[in-house]
């Protein structure tokens, strides 16, 4: 996710929004190391290297992936602004 969301954030976000909103039925995205088969309910996430899929895909609800992408970008932006993005918390 680091590479794909950082390098292709707008592209990934727009693809997810298009499928979630119903403007597109499904969408396939191939990034540097990650491939996505975005469906209305479920997205397949798979690791790829030089056009070869490595291992089995991970399935995640599309709306959950969308939330993760937005949260990742928000934390990344906060980090670049020098904000404390991951405060240390000690629990008993």
PDB file of N, CA and C in Angstrom:
ATOM      1  N   UNK A   1       0.816  -1.198   0.000  1.00  0.00           N
ATOM      2  CA  UNK A   1       0.000   0.000   0.000  1.00  0.00           C
ATOM      3  C   UNK A   1       0.859   1.261   0.000  1.00  0.00           C
ATOM      4  N   UNK A   2       2.023   1.203   0.621  1.00  0.00           N
ATOM      5  CA  UNK A   2       2.852   2.400   0.702  1.00  0.00           C
ATOM      6  C   UNK A   2       3.112   2.955  -0.698  1.00  0.00           C
ATOM      7  N   UNK A   3       3.608   2.123  -1.576  1.00  0.00           N
ATOM      8  CA  UNK A   3       3.971   2.579  -2.911  1.00  0.00           C
ATOM      9  C   UNK A   3       2.756   3.018  -3.712  1.00  0.00           C
ATOM     10  N   UNK A   4       1.724   2.190  -3.717  1.00  0.00           N
ATOM     11  CA  UNK A   4       0.581   2.475  -4.575  1.00  0.00           C
ATOM     12  C   UNK A   4      -0.207   3.698  -4.121  1.00  0.00           C
ATOM     13  N   UNK A   5      -0.485   3.794  -2.831  1.00  0.00           N
ATOM     14  CA  UNK A   5      -1.265   4.942  -2.355  1.00  0.00           C
ATOM     15  C   UNK A   5      -0.439   6.214  -2.429  1.00  0.00           C
ATOM     16  N   UNK A   6       0.840   6.126  -2.127  1.00  0.00           N
ATOM     17  CA  UNK A   6       1.694   7.308  -2.201  1.00  0.00           C
ATOM     18  C   UNK A   6       1.856   7.783  -3.642  1.00  0.00           C
ATOM     19  N   UNK A   7       2.134   6.869  -4.548  1.00  0.00           N
ATOM     20  CA  UNK A   7       2.409   7.249  -5.944  1.00  0.00           C
ATOM     21  C   UNK A   7       1.150   7.466  -6.789  1.00  0.00           C
ATOM     22  N   UNK A   8       0.087   6.729  -6.482  1.00  0.00           N
ATOM     23  CA  UNK A   8      -1.100   6.739  -7.334  1.00  0.00           C
ATOM     24  C   UNK A   8      -2.374   7.072  -6.559  1.00  0.00           C
ATOM     25  N   UNK A   9      -2.272   7.882  -5.523  1.00  0.00           N
ATOM     26  CA  UNK A   9      -3.407   8.140  -4.640  1.00  0.00           C
ATOM     27  C   UNK A   9      -4.659   8.586  -5.389  1.00  0.00           C
ATOM     28  N   UNK A  10      -4.576   9.626  -6.188  1.00  0.00           N
ATOM     29  CA  UNK A  10      -5.766  10.135  -6.876  1.00  0.00           C
ATOM     30  C   UNK A  10      -6.374   9.087  -7.799  1.00  0.00           C
ATOM     31  N   UNK A  11      -5.533   8.364  -8.474  1.00  0.00           N
ATOM     32  CA  UNK A  11      -5.984   7.327  -9.406  1.00  0.00           C
ATOM     33  C   UNK A  11      -6.724   6.215  -8.663  1.00  0.00           C
ATOM     34  N   UNK A  12      -6.138   5.725  -7.562  1.00  0.00           N
ATOM     35  CA  UNK A  12      -6.744   4.651  -6.765  1.00  0.00           C
ATOM     36  C   UNK A  12      -8.037   5.143  -6.119  1.00  0.00           C
ATOM     37  N   UNK A  13      -8.004   6.329  -5.534  1.00  0.00           N
ATOM     38  CA  UNK A  13      -9.195   6.872  -4.884  1.00  0.00           C
ATOM     39  C   UNK A  13     -10.342   7.037  -5.879  1.00  0.00           C
ATOM     40  N   UNK A  14     -10.052   7.602  -7.036  1.00  0.00           N
ATOM     41  CA  UNK A  14     -11.092   7.796  -8.046  1.00  0.00           C
ATOM     42  C   UNK A  14     -11.656   6.465  -8.551  1.00  0.00           C
ATOM     43  N   UNK A  15     -10.806   5.467  -8.712  1.00  0.00           N
ATOM     44  CA  UNK A  15     -11.277   4.149  -9.144  1.00  0.00           C
ATOM     45  C   UNK A  15     -12.217   3.547  -8.098  1.00  0.00           C
ATOM     46  N   UNK A  16     -11.821   3.618  -6.839  1.00  0.00           N
ATOM     47  CA  UNK A  16     -12.675   3.102  -5.765  1.00  0.00           C
ATOM     48  C   UNK A  16     -13.996   3.864  -5.709  1.00  0.00           C
ATOM     49  N   UNK A  17     -13.949   5.176  -5.798  1.00  0.00           N
ATOM     50  CA  UNK A  17     -15.169   5.985  -5.760  1.00  0.00           C
ATOM     51  C   UNK A  17     -16.092   5.676  -6.934  1.00  0.00           C
ATOM     52  N   UNK A  18     -15.533   5.461  -8.110  1.00  0.00           N
ATOM     53  CA  UNK A  18     -16.341   5.163  -9.291  1.00  0.00           C
ATOM     54  C   UNK A  18     -17.101   3.847  -9.144  1.00  0.00           C
ATOM     55  N   UNK A  19     -16.445   2.847  -8.576  1.00  0.00           N
ATOM     56  CA  UNK A  19     -17.102   1.555  -8.387  1.00  0.00           C
ATOM     57  C   UNK A  19     -18.106   1.624  -7.240  1.00  0.00           C
ATOM     58  N   UNK A  20     -17.724   2.232  -6.135  1.00  0.00           N
ATOM     59  CA  UNK A  20     -18.629   2.338  -4.983  1.00  0.00           C
ATOM     60  C   UNK A  20     -19.895   3.107  -5.346  1.00  0.00           C
ATOM     61  N   UNK A  21     -19.746   4.172  -6.119  1.00  0.00           N
ATOM     62  CA  UNK A  21     -20.894   5.003  -6.498  1.00  0.00           C
ATOM     63  C   UNK A  21     -21.769   4.355  -7.569  1.00  0.00           C
ATOM     64  N   UNK A  22     -21.263   3.318  -8.228  1.00  0.00           N
ATOM     65  CA  UNK A  22     -22.018   2.652  -9.276  1.00  0.00           C
ATOM     66  C   UNK A  22     -21.758   3.201 -10.668  1.00  0.00           C
ATOM     67  N   UNK A  23     -20.863   4.175 -10.798  1.00  0.00           N
ATOM     68  CA  UNK A  23     -20.526   4.711 -12.117  1.00  0.00           C
ATOM     69  C   UNK A  23     -19.790   3.691 -12.976  1.00  0.00           C
ATOM     70  N   UNK A  24     -19.091   2.758 -12.314  1.00  0.00           N
ATOM     71  CA  UNK A  24     -18.419   1.659 -12.996  1.00  0.00           C
ATOM     72  C   UNK A  24     -18.797   0.376 -12.264  1.00  0.00           C
ATOM     73  N   UNK A  25     -18.927  -0.716 -13.004  1.00  0.00           N
ATOM     74  CA  UNK A  25     -19.281  -1.993 -12.385  1.00  0.00           C
ATOM     75  C   UNK A  25     -18.091  -2.614 -11.662  1.00  0.00           C
ATOM     76  N   UNK A  26     -16.926  -2.498 -12.277  1.00  0.00           N
ATOM     77  CA  UNK A  26     -15.687  -3.013 -11.682  1.00  0.00           C
ATOM     78  C   UNK A  26     -14.519  -2.270 -12.305  1.00  0.00           C
ATOM     79  N   UNK A  27     -13.344  -2.451 -11.695  1.00  0.00           N
ATOM     80  CA  UNK A  27     -12.168  -1.757 -12.193  1.00  0.00           C
ATOM     81  C   UNK A  27     -10.929  -2.566 -11.831  1.00  0.00           C
ATOM     82  N   UNK A  28      -9.978  -2.655 -12.740  1.00  0.00           N
ATOM     83  CA  UNK A  28      -8.710  -3.343 -12.490  1.00  0.00           C
ATOM     84  C   UNK A  28      -7.593  -2.301 -12.493  1.00  0.00           C
ATOM     85  N   UNK A  29      -6.709  -2.405 -11.512  1.00  0.00           N
ATOM     86  CA  UNK A  29      -5.593  -1.485 -11.376  1.00  0.00           C
ATOM     87  C   UNK A  29      -4.325  -2.289 -11.148  1.00  0.00           C
ATOM     88  N   UNK A  30      -3.300  -2.007 -11.918  1.00  0.00           N
ATOM     89  CA  UNK A  30      -1.991  -2.618 -11.723  1.00  0.00           C
ATOM     90  C   UNK A  30      -0.997  -1.523 -11.425  1.00  0.00           C
ATOM     91  N   UNK A  31      -0.451  -1.534 -10.219  1.00  0.00           N
ATOM     92  CA  UNK A  31       0.540  -0.556  -9.819  1.00  0.00           C
ATOM     93  C   UNK A  31       1.934  -1.143  -9.924  1.00  0.00           C
ATOM     94  N   UNK A  32       2.834  -0.623  -9.110  1.00  0.00           N
ATOM     95  CA  UNK A  32       4.216  -1.102  -9.126  1.00  0.00           C
ATOM     96  C   UNK A  32       4.349  -2.504  -8.548  1.00  0.00           C
ATOM     97  N   UNK A  33       3.753  -2.731  -7.394  1.00  0.00           N
ATOM     98  CA  UNK A  33       3.862  -4.022  -6.717  1.00  0.00           C
ATOM     99  C   UNK A  33       2.517  -4.592  -6.308  1.00  0.00           C
ATOM    100  N   UNK A  34       1.456  -3.878  -6.608  1.00  0.00           N
ATOM    101  CA  UNK A  34       0.138  -4.252  -6.123  1.00  0.00           C
ATOM    102  C   UNK A  34      -0.863  -4.207  -7.260  1.00  0.00           C
ATOM    103  N   UNK A  35      -1.732  -5.190  -7.308  1.00  0.00           N
ATOM    104  CA  UNK A  35      -2.821  -5.187  -8.273  1.00  0.00           C
ATOM    105  C   UNK A  35      -4.135  -5.197  -7.526  1.00  0.00           C
ATOM    106  N   UNK A  36      -5.123  -4.519  -8.072  1.00  0.00           N
ATOM    107  CA  UNK A  36      -6.452  -4.465  -7.470  1.00  0.00           C
ATOM    108  C   UNK A  36      -7.485  -4.857  -8.504  1.00  0.00           C
ATOM    109  N   UNK A  37      -8.403  -5.722  -8.136  1.00  0.00           N
ATOM    110  CA  UNK A  37      -9.587  -6.032  -8.912  1.00  0.00           C
ATOM    111  C   UNK A  37     -10.742  -5.512  -8.082  1.00  0.00           C
ATOM    112  N   UNK A  38     -11.182  -4.282  -8.362  1.00  0.00           N
ATOM    113  CA  UNK A  38     -12.173  -3.603  -7.535  1.00  0.00           C
ATOM    114  C   UNK A  38     -13.572  -3.987  -7.994  1.00  0.00           C
ATOM    115  N   UNK A  39     -14.339  -4.563  -7.077  1.00  0.00           N
ATOM    116  CA  UNK A  39     -15.736  -4.876  -7.321  1.00  0.00           C
ATOM    117  C   UNK A  39     -16.599  -4.053  -6.380  1.00  0.00           C
ATOM    118  N   UNK A  40     -17.882  -4.021  -6.628  1.00  0.00           N
ATOM    119  CA  UNK A  40     -18.803  -3.217  -5.817  1.00  0.00           C
ATOM    120  C   UNK A  40     -18.716  -3.590  -4.339  1.00  0.00           C
ATOM    121  N   UNK A  41     -18.667  -4.870  -4.034  1.00  0.00           N
ATOM    122  CA  UNK A  41     -18.653  -5.324  -2.638  1.00  0.00           C
ATOM    123  C   UNK A  41     -17.261  -5.743  -2.160  1.00  0.00           C
ATOM    124  N   UNK A  42     -16.527  -6.455  -2.991  1.00  0.00           N
ATOM    125  CA  UNK A  42     -15.236  -7.041  -2.610  1.00  0.00           C
ATOM    126  C   UNK A  42     -14.154  -6.630  -3.596  1.00  0.00           C
ATOM    127  N   UNK A  43     -12.970  -6.359  -3.062  1.00  0.00           N
ATOM    128  CA  UNK A  43     -11.799  -6.069  -3.887  1.00  0.00           C
ATOM    129  C   UNK A  43     -10.754  -7.144  -3.649  1.00  0.00           C
ATOM    130  N   UNK A  44     -10.176  -7.644  -4.729  1.00  0.00           N
ATOM    131  CA  UNK A  44      -9.053  -8.575  -4.648  1.00  0.00           C
ATOM    132  C   UNK A  44      -7.769  -7.763  -4.718  1.00  0.00           C
ATOM    133  N   UNK A  45      -6.906  -7.971  -3.751  1.00  0.00           N
ATOM    134  CA  UNK A  45      -5.612  -7.300  -3.706  1.00  0.00           C
ATOM    135  C   UNK A  45      -4.549  -8.381  -3.872  1.00  0.00           C
ATOM    136  N   UNK A  46      -3.649  -8.195  -4.823  1.00  0.00           N
ATOM    137  CA  UNK A  46      -2.618  -9.201  -5.015  1.00  0.00           C
ATOM    138  C   UNK A  46      -1.256  -8.547  -5.226  1.00  0.00           C
ATOM    139  N   UNK A  47      -0.238  -9.257  -4.768  1.00  0.00           N
ATOM    140  CA  UNK A  47       1.143  -8.828  -4.915  1.00  0.00           C
ATOM    141  C   UNK A  47       1.637  -9.298  -6.270  1.00  0.00           C
ATOM    142  N   UNK A  48       2.289  -8.421  -6.992  1.00  0.00           N
ATOM    143  CA  UNK A  48       2.808  -8.782  -8.303  1.00  0.00           C
ATOM    144  C   UNK A  48       4.225  -8.240  -8.451  1.00  0.00           C
ATOM    145  N   UNK A  49       4.998  -8.946  -9.242  1.00  0.00           N
ATOM    146  CA  UNK A  49       6.357  -8.504  -9.534  1.00  0.00           C
ATOM    147  C   UNK A  49       6.640  -8.844 -10.984  1.00  0.00           C
ATOM    148  N   UNK A  50       6.975  -7.815 -11.762  1.00  0.00           N
ATOM    149  CA  UNK A  50       7.263  -7.987 -13.182  1.00  0.00           C
ATOM    150  C   UNK A  50       6.157  -8.792 -13.872  1.00  0.00           C
ATOM    151  N   UNK A  51       4.919  -8.336 -13.710  1.00  0.00           N
ATOM    152  CA  UNK A  51       3.733  -8.896 -14.349  1.00  0.00           C
ATOM    153  C   UNK A  51       3.396 -10.307 -13.890  1.00  0.00           C
ATOM    154  N   UNK A  52       4.036 -10.814 -12.855  1.00  0.00           N
ATOM    155  CA  UNK A  52       3.719 -12.131 -12.328  1.00  0.00           C
ATOM    156  C   UNK A  52       3.043 -11.965 -10.973  1.00  0.00           C
ATOM    157  N   UNK A  53       1.875 -12.584 -10.815  1.00  0.00           N
ATOM    158  CA  UNK A  53       1.168 -12.537  -9.540  1.00  0.00           C
ATOM    159  C   UNK A  53       1.815 -13.539  -8.603  1.00  0.00           C
ATOM    160  N   UNK A  54       2.161 -13.083  -7.417  1.00  0.00           N
ATOM    161  CA  UNK A  54       2.822 -13.931  -6.435  1.00  0.00           C
ATOM    162  C   UNK A  54       1.861 -14.221  -5.289  1.00  0.00           C
ATOM    163  N   UNK A  55       1.512 -15.473  -5.118  1.00  0.00           N
ATOM    164  CA  UNK A  55       0.623 -15.854  -4.031  1.00  0.00           C
ATOM    165  C   UNK A  55      -0.839 -15.653  -4.366  1.00  0.00           C
ATOM    166  N   UNK A  56      -1.667 -15.960  -3.402  1.00  0.00           N
ATOM    167  CA  UNK A  56      -3.108 -15.820  -3.553  1.00  0.00           C
ATOM    168  C   UNK A  56      -3.536 -14.397  -3.222  1.00  0.00           C
ATOM    169  N   UNK A  57      -4.618 -13.935  -3.841  1.00  0.00           N
ATOM    170  CA  UNK A  57      -5.083 -12.574  -3.542  1.00  0.00           C
ATOM    171  C   UNK A  57      -5.674 -12.487  -2.139  1.00  0.00           C
ATOM    172  N   UNK A  58      -5.642 -11.312  -1.615  1.00  0.00           N
ATOM    173  CA  UNK A  58      -6.278 -10.992  -0.345  1.00  0.00           C
ATOM    174  C   UNK A  58      -7.618 -10.346  -0.692  1.00  0.00           C
ATOM    175  N   UNK A  59      -8.680 -10.747  -0.019  1.00  0.00           N
ATOM    176  CA  UNK A  59      -9.994 -10.170  -0.263  1.00  0.00           C
ATOM    177  C   UNK A  59     -10.325  -9.193   0.852  1.00  0.00           C
ATOM    178  N   UNK A  60     -10.816  -8.026   0.473  1.00  0.00           N
ATOM    179  CA  UNK A  60     -11.187  -7.001   1.438  1.00  0.00           C
ATOM    180  C   UNK A  60     -12.460  -6.320   0.939  1.00  0.00           C
ATOM    181  N   UNK A  61     -13.396  -6.021   1.849  1.00  0.00           N
ATOM    182  CA  UNK A  61     -14.564  -5.264   1.409  1.00  0.00           C
ATOM    183  C   UNK A  61     -14.125  -3.937   0.778  1.00  0.00           C
ATOM    184  N   UNK A  62     -14.689  -3.608  -0.353  1.00  0.00           N
ATOM    185  CA  UNK A  62     -14.291  -2.418  -1.102  1.00  0.00           C
ATOM    186  C   UNK A  62     -14.428  -1.153  -0.275  1.00  0.00           C
ATOM    187  N   UNK A  63     -15.505  -1.043   0.490  1.00  0.00           N
ATOM    188  CA  UNK A  63     -15.677   0.164   1.305  1.00  0.00           C
ATOM    189  C   UNK A  63     -14.619   0.260   2.403  1.00  0.00           C
ATOM    190  N   UNK A  64     -14.144  -0.872   2.930  1.00  0.00           N
ATOM    191  CA  UNK A  64     -13.080  -0.855   3.930  1.00  0.00           C
ATOM    192  C   UNK A  64     -11.749  -0.436   3.306  1.00  0.00           C
ATOM    193  N   UNK A  65     -11.464  -0.922   2.109  1.00  0.00           N
ATOM    194  CA  UNK A  65     -10.246  -0.512   1.414  1.00  0.00           C
ATOM    195  C   UNK A  65     -10.274   0.985   1.146  1.00  0.00           C
ATOM    196  N   UNK A  66     -11.424   1.487   0.742  1.00  0.00           N
ATOM    197  CA  UNK A  66     -11.576   2.925   0.488  1.00  0.00           C
ATOM    198  C   UNK A  66     -11.247   3.724   1.749  1.00  0.00           C
ATOM    199  N   UNK A  67     -11.777   3.299   2.891  1.00  0.00           N
ATOM    200  CA  UNK A  67     -11.487   3.983   4.159  1.00  0.00           C
ATOM    201  C   UNK A  67      -9.999   3.932   4.487  1.00  0.00           C
ATOM    202  N   UNK A  68      -9.364   2.776   4.257  1.00  0.00           N
ATOM    203  CA  UNK A  68      -7.929   2.636   4.523  1.00  0.00           C
ATOM    204  C   UNK A  68      -7.096   3.564   3.635  1.00  0.00           C
ATOM    205  N   UNK A  69      -7.472   3.667   2.367  1.00  0.00           N
ATOM    206  CA  UNK A  69      -6.744   4.544   1.440  1.00  0.00           C
ATOM    207  C   UNK A  69      -6.836   5.994   1.902  1.00  0.00           C
ATOM    208  N   UNK A  70      -8.047   6.428   2.291  1.00  0.00           N
ATOM    209  CA  UNK A  70      -8.216   7.801   2.770  1.00  0.00           C
ATOM    210  C   UNK A  70      -7.428   8.043   4.058  1.00  0.00           C
ATOM    211  N   UNK A  71      -7.473   7.082   4.965  1.00  0.00           N
ATOM    212  CA  UNK A  71      -6.751   7.225   6.229  1.00  0.00           C
ATOM    213  C   UNK A  71      -5.235   7.248   6.001  1.00  0.00           C
ATOM    214  N   UNK A  72      -4.765   6.387   5.107  1.00  0.00           N
ATOM    215  CA  UNK A  72      -3.330   6.354   4.795  1.00  0.00           C
ATOM    216  C   UNK A  72      -2.867   7.720   4.294  1.00  0.00           C
ATOM    217  N   UNK A  73      -3.625   8.287   3.368  1.00  0.00           N
ATOM    218  CA  UNK A  73      -3.254   9.582   2.791  1.00  0.00           C
ATOM    219  C   UNK A  73      -3.292  10.682   3.847  1.00  0.00           C
ATOM    220  N   UNK A  74      -4.289  10.647   4.718  1.00  0.00           N
ATOM    221  CA  UNK A  74      -4.391  11.647   5.779  1.00  0.00           C
ATOM    222  C   UNK A  74      -3.184  11.572   6.719  1.00  0.00           C
ATOM    223  N   UNK A  75      -2.801  10.381   7.110  1.00  0.00           N
ATOM    224  CA  UNK A  75      -1.647  10.218   8.004  1.00  0.00           C
ATOM    225  C   UNK A  75      -0.363  10.627   7.290  1.00  0.00           C
ATOM    226  N   UNK A  76      -0.237  10.262   6.021  1.00  0.00           N
ATOM    227  CA  UNK A  76       0.941  10.658   5.249  1.00  0.00           C
ATOM    228  C   UNK A  76       1.047  12.179   5.171  1.00  0.00           C
ATOM    229  N   UNK A  77      -0.059  12.852   4.903  1.00  0.00           N
ATOM    230  CA  UNK A  77      -0.058  14.317   4.833  1.00  0.00           C
ATOM    231  C   UNK A  77       0.322  14.925   6.179  1.00  0.00           C
ATOM    232  N   UNK A  78      -0.211  14.388   7.262  1.00  0.00           N
ATOM    233  CA  UNK A  78       0.131  14.884   8.604  1.00  0.00           C
ATOM    234  C   UNK A  78       1.627  14.696   8.885  1.00  0.00           C
ATOM    235  N   UNK A  79       2.163  13.561   8.479  1.00  0.00           N
ATOM    236  CA  UNK A  79       3.583  13.277   8.691  1.00  0.00           C
ATOM    237  C   UNK A  79       4.445  14.298   7.946  1.00  0.00           C
ATOM    238  N   UNK A  80       4.077  14.605   6.692  1.00  0.00           N
ATOM    239  CA  UNK A  80       4.848  15.563   5.896  1.00  0.00           C
ATOM    240  C   UNK A  80       4.768  16.984   6.454  1.00  0.00           C
ATOM    241  N   UNK A  81       3.689  17.271   7.183  1.00  0.00           N
ATOM    242  CA  UNK A  81       3.566  18.580   7.836  1.00  0.00           C
ATOM    243  C   UNK A  81       4.304  18.612   9.170  1.00  0.00           C
ATOM    244  N   UNK A  82       4.879  17.480   9.584  1.00  0.00           N
ATOM    245  CA  UNK A  82       5.633  17.414  10.828  1.00  0.00           C
ATOM    246  C   UNK A  82       4.776  17.186  12.061  1.00  0.00           C
ATOM    247  N   UNK A  83       3.525  16.820  11.865  1.00  0.00           N
ATOM    248  CA  UNK A  83       2.647  16.549  13.003  1.00  0.00           C
ATOM    249  C   UNK A  83       2.972  15.192  13.613  1.00  0.00           C
ATOM    250  N   UNK A  84       2.611  15.031  14.865  1.00  0.00           N
ATOM    251  CA  UNK A  84       2.808  13.764  15.567  1.00  0.00           C
ATOM    252  C   UNK A  84       1.740  12.792  15.091  1.00  0.00           C
ATOM    253  N   UNK A  85       2.106  11.904  14.174  1.00  0.00           N
ATOM    254  CA  UNK A  85       1.120  11.020  13.564  1.00  0.00           C
ATOM    255  C   UNK A  85       0.884   9.743  14.345  1.00  0.00           C
ATOM    256  N   UNK A  86       1.864   9.288  15.074  1.00  0.00           N
ATOM    257  CA  UNK A  86       1.741   8.046  15.821  1.00  0.00           C
ATOM    258  C   UNK A  86       2.214   8.267  17.256  1.00  0.00           C
ATOM    259  N   UNK A  87       1.396   8.917  18.073  1.00  0.00           N
ATOM    260  CA  UNK A  87       1.828   9.173  19.461  1.00  0.00           C
ATOM    261  C   UNK A  87       1.984   7.861  20.219  1.00  0.00           C
ATOM    262  N   UNK A  88       2.978   7.829  21.072  1.00  0.00           N
ATOM    263  CA  UNK A  88       3.241   6.672  21.905  1.00  0.00           C
ATOM    264  C   UNK A  88       2.165   6.552  22.966  1.00  0.00           C
ATOM    265  N   UNK A  89       1.565   5.383  23.062  1.00  0.00           N
ATOM    266  CA  UNK A  89       0.546   5.147  24.081  1.00  0.00           C
ATOM    267  C   UNK A  89       0.961   3.918  24.882  1.00  0.00           C
ATOM    268  N   UNK A  90       1.009   4.071  26.182  1.00  0.00           N
ATOM    269  CA  UNK A  90       1.361   2.952  27.055  1.00  0.00           C
ATOM    270  C   UNK A  90       0.108   2.536  27.799  1.00  0.00           C
ATOM    271  N   UNK A  91      -0.230   1.262  27.684  1.00  0.00           N
ATOM    272  CA  UNK A  91      -1.392   0.734  28.361  1.00  0.00           C
ATOM    273  C   UNK A  91      -0.949  -0.161  29.502  1.00  0.00           C
ATOM    274  N   UNK A  92      -1.766  -0.244  30.536  1.00  0.00           N
ATOM    275  CA  UNK A  92      -1.457  -1.139  31.677  1.00  0.00           C
ATOM    276  C   UNK A  92      -1.577  -2.580  31.260  1.00  0.00           C
TER     277      UNK A  92
END
